[in-house]
Amino acid sequence: MADSFVPKILVLATEACAYPGADAVGKAHLEYGTNVYVFRVPSPVLFPEDFYLRCYARGIDGILIAACGTDCPYRGAYDRLAARMDRLASRMKSGGLEIARLRLTAICTVCIKAYLKEVGQLNEALRRLGPVNRVGAGRLELAARADLRPVQPEHAACRAGK
C-alpha cells in the first residue's frame, strides 16, 4: 500500500469515561493524527449495526469504540454492546470487510496513554489494510437495514405475492 494513504478513523467515545480521557490528551498537550474524528456519545450501544456499516460505506476506514467497559453507568449496556459487536464482526467477515477495522476498548477518564495507544494501533493496522471497500460496506449496510425492519403482518401477503 502506498505510504500516502491516511486512514479516516471515527472514535465513538462515551461521555462518562472515554471522552474525558480523549479530552485529557489535549489538556496534556499531547497529539494524535488529524485523521481521527472523536464523536462524544452517551453510550455506543445506541447505534445499530447499520450505522457502523454506513460509516464504512461513506469512507470511514476504521472505528474505535471507546467505552466505559463494565463500569458503564447504563445497566447492561456494555454486555449488549459486546453482543452487537460480535454480530457486526460476523457480518463484516462474511461480507469481506476486515474485522481489524473495528475495535472495542474500555478507556477511563484519565487513561491518556491507553487512548493514544489504541488510536495508534488502529491507525497502523488501517495503513496496512488500505482503504475500506466502500461498495462492499454499502451492500452490508443495506442487508443490516433490511434486518432491522420487521415485516408487518398486513404486508406479509404482499411480499408473498398474494
N, C-alpha and C. Protein backbone atom coordinates (compact mmCIF):
# COMPACT_ATOMS: atom_id res chain seq x y z
N MET A 1 0.85 -1.17 0.00
CA MET A 1 0.00 0.00 0.00
C MET A 1 0.89 1.22 0.00
N ALA A 2 0.48 2.22 -0.73
CA ALA A 2 1.24 3.46 -0.84
C ALA A 2 1.32 4.15 0.51
N ASP A 3 2.48 4.77 0.77
CA ASP A 3 2.67 5.48 2.04
C ASP A 3 1.79 6.71 2.15
N SER A 4 1.19 7.15 1.06
CA SER A 4 0.38 8.36 1.09
C SER A 4 -1.02 8.13 1.66
N PHE A 5 -1.43 6.89 1.83
CA PHE A 5 -2.77 6.61 2.36
C PHE A 5 -2.85 7.02 3.82
N VAL A 6 -3.83 7.85 4.14
CA VAL A 6 -4.09 8.26 5.51
C VAL A 6 -5.51 7.84 5.85
N PRO A 7 -5.66 6.84 6.72
CA PRO A 7 -6.99 6.33 7.03
C PRO A 7 -7.81 7.32 7.85
N LYS A 8 -9.12 7.30 7.62
CA LYS A 8 -10.04 8.10 8.43
C LYS A 8 -10.54 7.21 9.55
N ILE A 9 -10.38 7.71 10.79
CA ILE A 9 -10.77 6.94 11.97
C ILE A 9 -11.86 7.70 12.72
N LEU A 10 -12.94 7.00 13.01
CA LEU A 10 -14.02 7.54 13.82
C LEU A 10 -13.90 6.92 15.22
N VAL A 11 -13.88 7.77 16.23
CA VAL A 11 -13.86 7.31 17.61
C VAL A 11 -15.21 7.64 18.23
N LEU A 12 -15.91 6.61 18.69
CA LEU A 12 -17.14 6.81 19.45
C LEU A 12 -16.73 6.74 20.92
N ALA A 13 -16.70 7.89 21.56
CA ALA A 13 -16.21 7.99 22.93
C ALA A 13 -17.36 8.27 23.89
N THR A 14 -17.54 7.42 24.88
CA THR A 14 -18.62 7.61 25.84
C THR A 14 -18.35 8.86 26.67
N GLU A 15 -19.42 9.63 26.88
CA GLU A 15 -19.25 10.90 27.60
C GLU A 15 -18.90 10.70 29.07
N ALA A 16 -19.20 9.53 29.64
CA ALA A 16 -18.91 9.30 31.05
C ALA A 16 -17.45 8.90 31.30
N CYS A 17 -16.81 8.26 30.33
CA CYS A 17 -15.46 7.73 30.56
C CYS A 17 -14.46 8.11 29.49
N ALA A 18 -14.68 7.62 28.30
CA ALA A 18 -13.68 7.75 27.24
C ALA A 18 -13.52 9.16 26.72
N TYR A 19 -14.60 9.92 26.62
CA TYR A 19 -14.46 11.28 26.10
C TYR A 19 -13.61 12.14 27.02
N PRO A 20 -13.82 12.10 28.34
CA PRO A 20 -12.90 12.85 29.21
C PRO A 20 -11.45 12.38 29.06
N GLY A 21 -11.25 11.09 28.80
CA GLY A 21 -9.91 10.57 28.57
C GLY A 21 -9.30 11.14 27.30
N ALA A 22 -10.11 11.20 26.23
CA ALA A 22 -9.63 11.79 24.97
C ALA A 22 -9.36 13.28 25.14
N ASP A 23 -10.23 13.95 25.89
CA ASP A 23 -10.06 15.38 26.15
C ASP A 23 -8.79 15.63 26.96
N ALA A 24 -8.46 14.72 27.85
CA ALA A 24 -7.26 14.86 28.67
C ALA A 24 -5.99 14.83 27.81
N VAL A 25 -6.05 14.18 26.67
CA VAL A 25 -4.91 14.16 25.75
C VAL A 25 -4.59 15.59 25.31
N GLY A 26 -5.63 16.33 24.94
CA GLY A 26 -5.41 17.72 24.55
C GLY A 26 -4.97 18.60 25.70
N LYS A 27 -5.55 18.37 26.86
CA LYS A 27 -5.17 19.15 28.05
C LYS A 27 -3.72 18.92 28.44
N ALA A 28 -3.23 17.72 28.15
CA ALA A 28 -1.83 17.39 28.44
C ALA A 28 -0.90 17.85 27.31
N HIS A 29 -1.47 18.50 26.29
CA HIS A 29 -0.73 19.00 25.13
C HIS A 29 -0.03 17.87 24.36
N LEU A 30 -0.70 16.71 24.32
CA LEU A 30 -0.22 15.59 23.52
C LEU A 30 -1.00 15.59 22.22
N GLU A 31 -0.51 14.88 21.24
CA GLU A 31 -1.15 14.92 19.92
C GLU A 31 -1.37 13.54 19.35
N TYR A 32 -2.34 13.48 18.46
CA TYR A 32 -2.55 12.32 17.60
C TYR A 32 -3.01 12.87 16.26
N GLY A 33 -3.11 12.02 15.27
CA GLY A 33 -3.36 12.47 13.90
C GLY A 33 -4.65 13.25 13.69
N THR A 34 -4.62 14.11 12.70
CA THR A 34 -5.80 14.88 12.33
C THR A 34 -6.80 14.03 11.55
N ASN A 35 -6.46 12.78 11.31
CA ASN A 35 -7.35 11.85 10.62
C ASN A 35 -8.28 11.13 11.60
N VAL A 36 -8.25 11.53 12.87
CA VAL A 36 -9.06 10.91 13.92
C VAL A 36 -10.19 11.87 14.29
N TYR A 37 -11.42 11.38 14.15
CA TYR A 37 -12.60 12.19 14.44
C TYR A 37 -13.30 11.62 15.67
N VAL A 38 -13.33 12.40 16.74
CA VAL A 38 -13.91 11.94 18.00
C VAL A 38 -15.35 12.43 18.10
N PHE A 39 -16.24 11.48 18.35
CA PHE A 39 -17.67 11.75 18.46
C PHE A 39 -18.10 11.37 19.88
N ARG A 40 -18.54 12.35 20.64
CA ARG A 40 -18.97 12.11 22.03
C ARG A 40 -20.39 11.55 22.05
N VAL A 41 -20.57 10.40 22.69
CA VAL A 41 -21.87 9.74 22.71
C VAL A 41 -22.22 9.32 24.14
N PRO A 42 -23.52 9.28 24.48
CA PRO A 42 -23.89 8.78 25.80
C PRO A 42 -23.47 7.33 25.99
N SER A 43 -23.75 6.51 24.98
CA SER A 43 -23.36 5.10 25.00
C SER A 43 -23.36 4.58 23.57
N PRO A 44 -22.30 3.89 23.15
CA PRO A 44 -22.26 3.36 21.79
C PRO A 44 -23.32 2.31 21.49
N VAL A 45 -23.94 1.74 22.53
CA VAL A 45 -24.97 0.74 22.31
C VAL A 45 -26.19 1.35 21.63
N LEU A 46 -26.28 2.66 21.60
CA LEU A 46 -27.39 3.34 20.94
C LEU A 46 -27.36 3.19 19.42
N PHE A 47 -26.21 2.83 18.87
CA PHE A 47 -26.06 2.76 17.42
C PHE A 47 -26.26 1.34 16.91
N PRO A 48 -27.19 1.15 15.96
CA PRO A 48 -27.40 -0.19 15.39
C PRO A 48 -26.26 -0.58 14.45
N GLU A 49 -26.25 -1.82 14.08
CA GLU A 49 -25.18 -2.34 13.22
C GLU A 49 -25.06 -1.56 11.91
N ASP A 50 -26.20 -1.16 11.34
CA ASP A 50 -26.12 -0.48 10.05
C ASP A 50 -25.40 0.86 10.15
N PHE A 51 -25.37 1.49 11.32
CA PHE A 51 -24.64 2.75 11.49
C PHE A 51 -23.16 2.55 11.18
N TYR A 52 -22.56 1.50 11.75
CA TYR A 52 -21.15 1.24 11.55
C TYR A 52 -20.85 0.94 10.09
N LEU A 53 -21.71 0.14 9.49
CA LEU A 53 -21.53 -0.21 8.07
C LEU A 53 -21.71 1.01 7.18
N ARG A 54 -22.64 1.89 7.54
CA ARG A 54 -22.83 3.13 6.79
C ARG A 54 -21.58 4.00 6.87
N CYS A 55 -20.95 4.04 8.02
CA CYS A 55 -19.70 4.79 8.17
C CYS A 55 -18.64 4.27 7.20
N TYR A 56 -18.51 2.94 7.14
CA TYR A 56 -17.54 2.36 6.20
C TYR A 56 -17.93 2.68 4.75
N ALA A 57 -19.20 2.59 4.44
CA ALA A 57 -19.66 2.87 3.07
C ALA A 57 -19.42 4.33 2.68
N ARG A 58 -19.38 5.21 3.67
CA ARG A 58 -19.18 6.64 3.39
C ARG A 58 -17.71 7.04 3.47
N GLY A 59 -16.81 6.06 3.69
CA GLY A 59 -15.38 6.36 3.62
C GLY A 59 -14.62 6.36 4.93
N ILE A 60 -15.25 6.04 6.03
CA ILE A 60 -14.51 5.87 7.28
C ILE A 60 -13.78 4.53 7.19
N ASP A 61 -12.48 4.54 7.42
CA ASP A 61 -11.68 3.33 7.26
C ASP A 61 -11.65 2.45 8.51
N GLY A 62 -11.85 3.06 9.68
CA GLY A 62 -11.82 2.30 10.91
C GLY A 62 -12.61 2.99 12.00
N ILE A 63 -13.15 2.19 12.91
CA ILE A 63 -13.95 2.72 14.01
C ILE A 63 -13.41 2.17 15.32
N LEU A 64 -13.12 3.09 16.23
CA LEU A 64 -12.70 2.75 17.57
C LEU A 64 -13.85 3.09 18.51
N ILE A 65 -14.36 2.08 19.17
CA ILE A 65 -15.43 2.29 20.15
C ILE A 65 -14.77 2.31 21.51
N ALA A 66 -14.66 3.51 22.06
CA ALA A 66 -14.02 3.71 23.35
C ALA A 66 -15.12 3.84 24.40
N ALA A 67 -15.37 2.76 25.09
CA ALA A 67 -16.49 2.70 26.03
C ALA A 67 -15.98 2.67 27.47
N CYS A 68 -16.92 2.60 28.39
CA CYS A 68 -16.60 2.54 29.82
C CYS A 68 -16.30 1.12 30.29
N GLY A 69 -16.55 0.15 29.46
CA GLY A 69 -16.38 -1.23 29.87
C GLY A 69 -17.48 -1.62 30.84
N THR A 70 -17.15 -2.46 31.78
CA THR A 70 -18.15 -2.91 32.75
C THR A 70 -18.52 -1.82 33.75
N ASP A 71 -17.83 -0.69 33.74
CA ASP A 71 -18.15 0.45 34.60
C ASP A 71 -19.20 1.37 33.98
N CYS A 72 -19.83 0.94 32.91
CA CYS A 72 -20.82 1.75 32.22
C CYS A 72 -21.96 2.13 33.17
N PRO A 73 -22.35 3.41 33.17
CA PRO A 73 -23.43 3.83 34.06
C PRO A 73 -24.80 3.30 33.66
N TYR A 74 -24.93 2.77 32.45
CA TYR A 74 -26.21 2.23 31.97
C TYR A 74 -26.19 0.71 32.15
N ARG A 75 -27.04 0.22 33.02
CA ARG A 75 -27.04 -1.20 33.37
C ARG A 75 -27.23 -2.09 32.13
N GLY A 76 -26.32 -3.01 31.96
CA GLY A 76 -26.39 -3.98 30.87
C GLY A 76 -25.95 -3.47 29.51
N ALA A 77 -25.63 -2.19 29.41
CA ALA A 77 -25.29 -1.61 28.10
C ALA A 77 -24.02 -2.22 27.51
N TYR A 78 -23.01 -2.43 28.33
CA TYR A 78 -21.75 -2.94 27.79
C TYR A 78 -21.92 -4.36 27.27
N ASP A 79 -22.69 -5.17 27.98
CA ASP A 79 -22.93 -6.54 27.52
C ASP A 79 -23.70 -6.54 26.20
N ARG A 80 -24.68 -5.65 26.07
CA ARG A 80 -25.43 -5.54 24.81
C ARG A 80 -24.53 -5.03 23.69
N LEU A 81 -23.64 -4.08 24.03
CA LEU A 81 -22.71 -3.56 23.03
C LEU A 81 -21.75 -4.66 22.56
N ALA A 82 -21.22 -5.43 23.49
CA ALA A 82 -20.30 -6.52 23.12
C ALA A 82 -20.99 -7.54 22.22
N ALA A 83 -22.25 -7.86 22.54
CA ALA A 83 -23.00 -8.80 21.70
C ALA A 83 -23.23 -8.21 20.31
N ARG A 84 -23.55 -6.92 20.25
CA ARG A 84 -23.75 -6.27 18.95
C ARG A 84 -22.47 -6.27 18.14
N MET A 85 -21.33 -6.02 18.78
CA MET A 85 -20.06 -6.01 18.07
C MET A 85 -19.70 -7.40 17.55
N ASP A 86 -20.08 -8.44 18.31
CA ASP A 86 -19.86 -9.81 17.82
C ASP A 86 -20.67 -10.06 16.55
N ARG A 87 -21.94 -9.63 16.57
CA ARG A 87 -22.79 -9.81 15.37
C ARG A 87 -22.23 -8.99 14.20
N LEU A 88 -21.81 -7.77 14.49
CA LEU A 88 -21.26 -6.91 13.45
C LEU A 88 -19.99 -7.50 12.87
N ALA A 89 -19.12 -8.01 13.72
CA ALA A 89 -17.88 -8.63 13.24
C ALA A 89 -18.18 -9.83 12.36
N SER A 90 -19.16 -10.63 12.73
CA SER A 90 -19.55 -11.77 11.89
C SER A 90 -20.07 -11.31 10.54
N ARG A 91 -20.89 -10.28 10.56
CA ARG A 91 -21.43 -9.74 9.30
C ARG A 91 -20.31 -9.18 8.43
N MET A 92 -19.38 -8.46 9.05
CA MET A 92 -18.27 -7.89 8.29
C MET A 92 -17.43 -9.00 7.67
N LYS A 93 -17.12 -10.01 8.46
CA LYS A 93 -16.29 -11.11 7.98
C LYS A 93 -16.96 -11.83 6.82
N SER A 94 -18.26 -12.11 6.97
CA SER A 94 -18.96 -12.82 5.89
C SER A 94 -19.09 -11.97 4.63
N GLY A 95 -19.06 -10.65 4.79
CA GLY A 95 -19.18 -9.75 3.64
C GLY A 95 -17.85 -9.28 3.07
N GLY A 96 -16.75 -9.77 3.62
CA GLY A 96 -15.44 -9.43 3.07
C GLY A 96 -14.80 -8.17 3.63
N LEU A 97 -15.37 -7.59 4.69
CA LEU A 97 -14.73 -6.44 5.34
C LEU A 97 -13.84 -6.96 6.47
N GLU A 98 -12.65 -6.44 6.55
CA GLU A 98 -11.71 -6.89 7.58
C GLU A 98 -12.21 -6.45 8.96
N ILE A 99 -12.26 -7.39 9.90
CA ILE A 99 -12.75 -7.05 11.25
C ILE A 99 -11.73 -6.23 12.03
N ALA A 100 -10.50 -6.16 11.53
CA ALA A 100 -9.49 -5.31 12.17
C ALA A 100 -9.83 -3.83 12.04
N ARG A 101 -10.82 -3.51 11.21
CA ARG A 101 -11.27 -2.12 11.07
C ARG A 101 -12.14 -1.67 12.23
N LEU A 102 -12.53 -2.58 13.07
CA LEU A 102 -13.43 -2.31 14.19
C LEU A 102 -12.73 -2.70 15.48
N ARG A 103 -12.75 -1.78 16.43
CA ARG A 103 -12.05 -2.04 17.69
C ARG A 103 -12.91 -1.56 18.85
N LEU A 104 -13.11 -2.41 19.84
CA LEU A 104 -13.85 -2.08 21.04
C LEU A 104 -12.88 -2.11 22.21
N THR A 105 -12.83 -1.02 22.96
CA THR A 105 -11.92 -0.95 24.09
C THR A 105 -12.54 -0.16 25.23
N ALA A 106 -12.07 -0.40 26.43
CA ALA A 106 -12.51 0.36 27.59
C ALA A 106 -11.45 1.41 27.91
N ILE A 107 -11.87 2.65 27.96
CA ILE A 107 -10.97 3.77 28.26
C ILE A 107 -11.57 4.55 29.43
N CYS A 108 -10.77 4.82 30.43
CA CYS A 108 -11.27 5.57 31.59
C CYS A 108 -11.00 7.06 31.42
N THR A 109 -11.44 7.84 32.37
CA THR A 109 -11.34 9.30 32.27
C THR A 109 -9.92 9.83 32.29
N VAL A 110 -8.98 9.06 32.81
CA VAL A 110 -7.59 9.53 32.90
C VAL A 110 -6.62 8.64 32.11
N CYS A 111 -7.13 7.81 31.25
CA CYS A 111 -6.30 6.84 30.50
C CYS A 111 -5.72 7.47 29.23
N ILE A 112 -4.87 8.45 29.39
CA ILE A 112 -4.28 9.15 28.25
C ILE A 112 -3.42 8.21 27.41
N LYS A 113 -2.52 7.49 28.05
CA LYS A 113 -1.62 6.59 27.32
C LYS A 113 -2.38 5.47 26.63
N ALA A 114 -3.39 4.92 27.31
CA ALA A 114 -4.18 3.84 26.71
C ALA A 114 -4.94 4.35 25.49
N TYR A 115 -5.49 5.54 25.58
CA TYR A 115 -6.22 6.13 24.45
C TYR A 115 -5.28 6.32 23.26
N LEU A 116 -4.13 6.93 23.50
CA LEU A 116 -3.17 7.16 22.42
C LEU A 116 -2.68 5.84 21.82
N LYS A 117 -2.50 4.83 22.65
CA LYS A 117 -2.06 3.51 22.17
C LYS A 117 -3.12 2.90 21.27
N GLU A 118 -4.38 2.94 21.69
CA GLU A 118 -5.47 2.36 20.88
C GLU A 118 -5.58 3.06 19.54
N VAL A 119 -5.55 4.39 19.55
CA VAL A 119 -5.64 5.16 18.29
C VAL A 119 -4.45 4.84 17.40
N GLY A 120 -3.26 4.78 17.99
CA GLY A 120 -2.05 4.49 17.21
C GLY A 120 -2.07 3.10 16.60
N GLN A 121 -2.51 2.10 17.38
CA GLN A 121 -2.57 0.73 16.87
C GLN A 121 -3.59 0.60 15.75
N LEU A 122 -4.76 1.24 15.90
CA LEU A 122 -5.76 1.18 14.83
C LEU A 122 -5.25 1.89 13.58
N ASN A 123 -4.59 3.02 13.76
CA ASN A 123 -4.04 3.76 12.63
C ASN A 123 -3.04 2.90 11.85
N GLU A 124 -2.15 2.22 12.56
CA GLU A 124 -1.16 1.37 11.90
C GLU A 124 -1.82 0.19 11.19
N ALA A 125 -2.79 -0.43 11.83
CA ALA A 125 -3.50 -1.57 11.21
C ALA A 125 -4.20 -1.12 9.93
N LEU A 126 -4.82 0.04 9.96
CA LEU A 126 -5.53 0.53 8.79
C LEU A 126 -4.58 0.91 7.67
N ARG A 127 -3.42 1.42 8.00
CA ARG A 127 -2.42 1.73 6.96
C ARG A 127 -2.00 0.46 6.23
N ARG A 128 -1.88 -0.62 6.99
CA ARG A 128 -1.52 -1.91 6.37
C ARG A 128 -2.66 -2.44 5.50
N LEU A 129 -3.91 -2.27 5.96
CA LEU A 129 -5.07 -2.79 5.23
C LEU A 129 -5.39 -1.98 3.98
N GLY A 130 -5.17 -0.69 4.04
CA GLY A 130 -5.52 0.18 2.92
C GLY A 130 -6.96 0.68 3.04
N PRO A 131 -7.43 1.37 2.03
CA PRO A 131 -8.78 1.94 2.08
C PRO A 131 -9.87 0.87 2.21
N VAL A 132 -10.95 1.25 2.87
CA VAL A 132 -12.08 0.36 3.06
C VAL A 132 -12.78 0.10 1.72
N ASN A 133 -13.36 -1.08 1.58
CA ASN A 133 -14.16 -1.43 0.41
C ASN A 133 -15.54 -0.80 0.61
N ARG A 134 -15.72 0.39 0.07
CA ARG A 134 -16.96 1.13 0.28
C ARG A 134 -18.17 0.45 -0.35
N VAL A 135 -17.98 -0.16 -1.50
CA VAL A 135 -19.09 -0.84 -2.18
C VAL A 135 -19.55 -2.04 -1.36
N GLY A 136 -18.60 -2.84 -0.91
CA GLY A 136 -18.95 -3.99 -0.08
C GLY A 136 -19.62 -3.56 1.22
N ALA A 137 -19.12 -2.49 1.82
CA ALA A 137 -19.73 -1.98 3.05
C ALA A 137 -21.15 -1.50 2.79
N GLY A 138 -21.38 -0.89 1.64
CA GLY A 138 -22.72 -0.44 1.28
C GLY A 138 -23.70 -1.59 1.16
N ARG A 139 -23.24 -2.69 0.56
CA ARG A 139 -24.09 -3.88 0.46
C ARG A 139 -24.43 -4.43 1.84
N LEU A 140 -23.43 -4.48 2.70
CA LEU A 140 -23.66 -4.97 4.06
C LEU A 140 -24.60 -4.05 4.83
N GLU A 141 -24.47 -2.75 4.60
CA GLU A 141 -25.37 -1.79 5.27
C GLU A 141 -26.82 -2.03 4.86
N LEU A 142 -27.05 -2.22 3.59
CA LEU A 142 -28.42 -2.47 3.12
C LEU A 142 -28.99 -3.75 3.72
N ALA A 143 -28.17 -4.77 3.81
CA ALA A 143 -28.62 -6.03 4.41
C ALA A 143 -28.94 -5.84 5.90
N ALA A 144 -28.11 -5.07 6.58
CA ALA A 144 -28.35 -4.81 8.01
C ALA A 144 -29.62 -4.00 8.21
N ARG A 145 -29.85 -3.05 7.33
CA ARG A 145 -31.08 -2.25 7.43
C ARG A 145 -32.31 -3.12 7.22
N ALA A 146 -32.23 -4.04 6.26
CA ALA A 146 -33.36 -4.93 5.99
C ALA A 146 -33.65 -5.80 7.22
N ASP A 147 -32.61 -6.19 7.93
CA ASP A 147 -32.80 -6.99 9.14
C ASP A 147 -33.46 -6.20 10.26
N LEU A 148 -33.31 -4.88 10.23
CA LEU A 148 -33.90 -4.03 11.27
C LEU A 148 -35.40 -3.81 11.08
N ARG A 149 -35.87 -3.93 9.86
CA ARG A 149 -37.27 -3.64 9.56
C ARG A 149 -38.11 -4.91 9.64
N PRO A 150 -38.93 -5.02 10.68
CA PRO A 150 -39.80 -6.20 10.74
C PRO A 150 -40.91 -6.10 9.70
N VAL A 151 -41.30 -7.23 9.17
CA VAL A 151 -42.39 -7.27 8.19
C VAL A 151 -43.71 -7.21 8.95
N GLN A 152 -44.53 -6.23 8.62
CA GLN A 152 -45.84 -6.09 9.24
C GLN A 152 -46.75 -7.20 8.70
N PRO A 153 -47.61 -7.76 9.56
CA PRO A 153 -48.48 -8.87 9.11
C PRO A 153 -49.30 -8.52 7.88
N GLU A 154 -49.80 -7.28 7.80
CA GLU A 154 -50.62 -6.92 6.65
C GLU A 154 -49.81 -6.81 5.37
N HIS A 155 -48.49 -6.67 5.49
CA HIS A 155 -47.63 -6.57 4.31
C HIS A 155 -47.01 -7.91 3.93
N ALA A 156 -47.10 -8.88 4.81
CA ALA A 156 -46.51 -10.19 4.53
C ALA A 156 -47.14 -10.83 3.31
N ALA A 157 -48.46 -10.65 3.15
CA ALA A 157 -49.15 -11.22 1.99
C ALA A 157 -48.67 -10.57 0.70
N CYS A 158 -48.39 -9.26 0.77
CA CYS A 158 -47.87 -8.55 -0.42
C CYS A 158 -46.52 -9.09 -0.82
N ARG A 159 -45.68 -9.36 0.15
CA ARG A 159 -44.34 -9.88 -0.14
C ARG A 159 -44.40 -11.30 -0.66
N ALA A 160 -45.41 -12.03 -0.24
CA ALA A 160 -45.56 -13.41 -0.68
C ALA A 160 -46.19 -13.50 -2.07
N GLY A 161 -46.60 -12.32 -2.60
CA GLY A 161 -47.20 -12.30 -3.93
C GLY A 161 -48.66 -12.62 -3.96
N LYS A 162 -49.32 -12.52 -2.84
CA LYS A 162 -50.75 -12.85 -2.76
C LYS A 162 -51.59 -11.60 -2.89
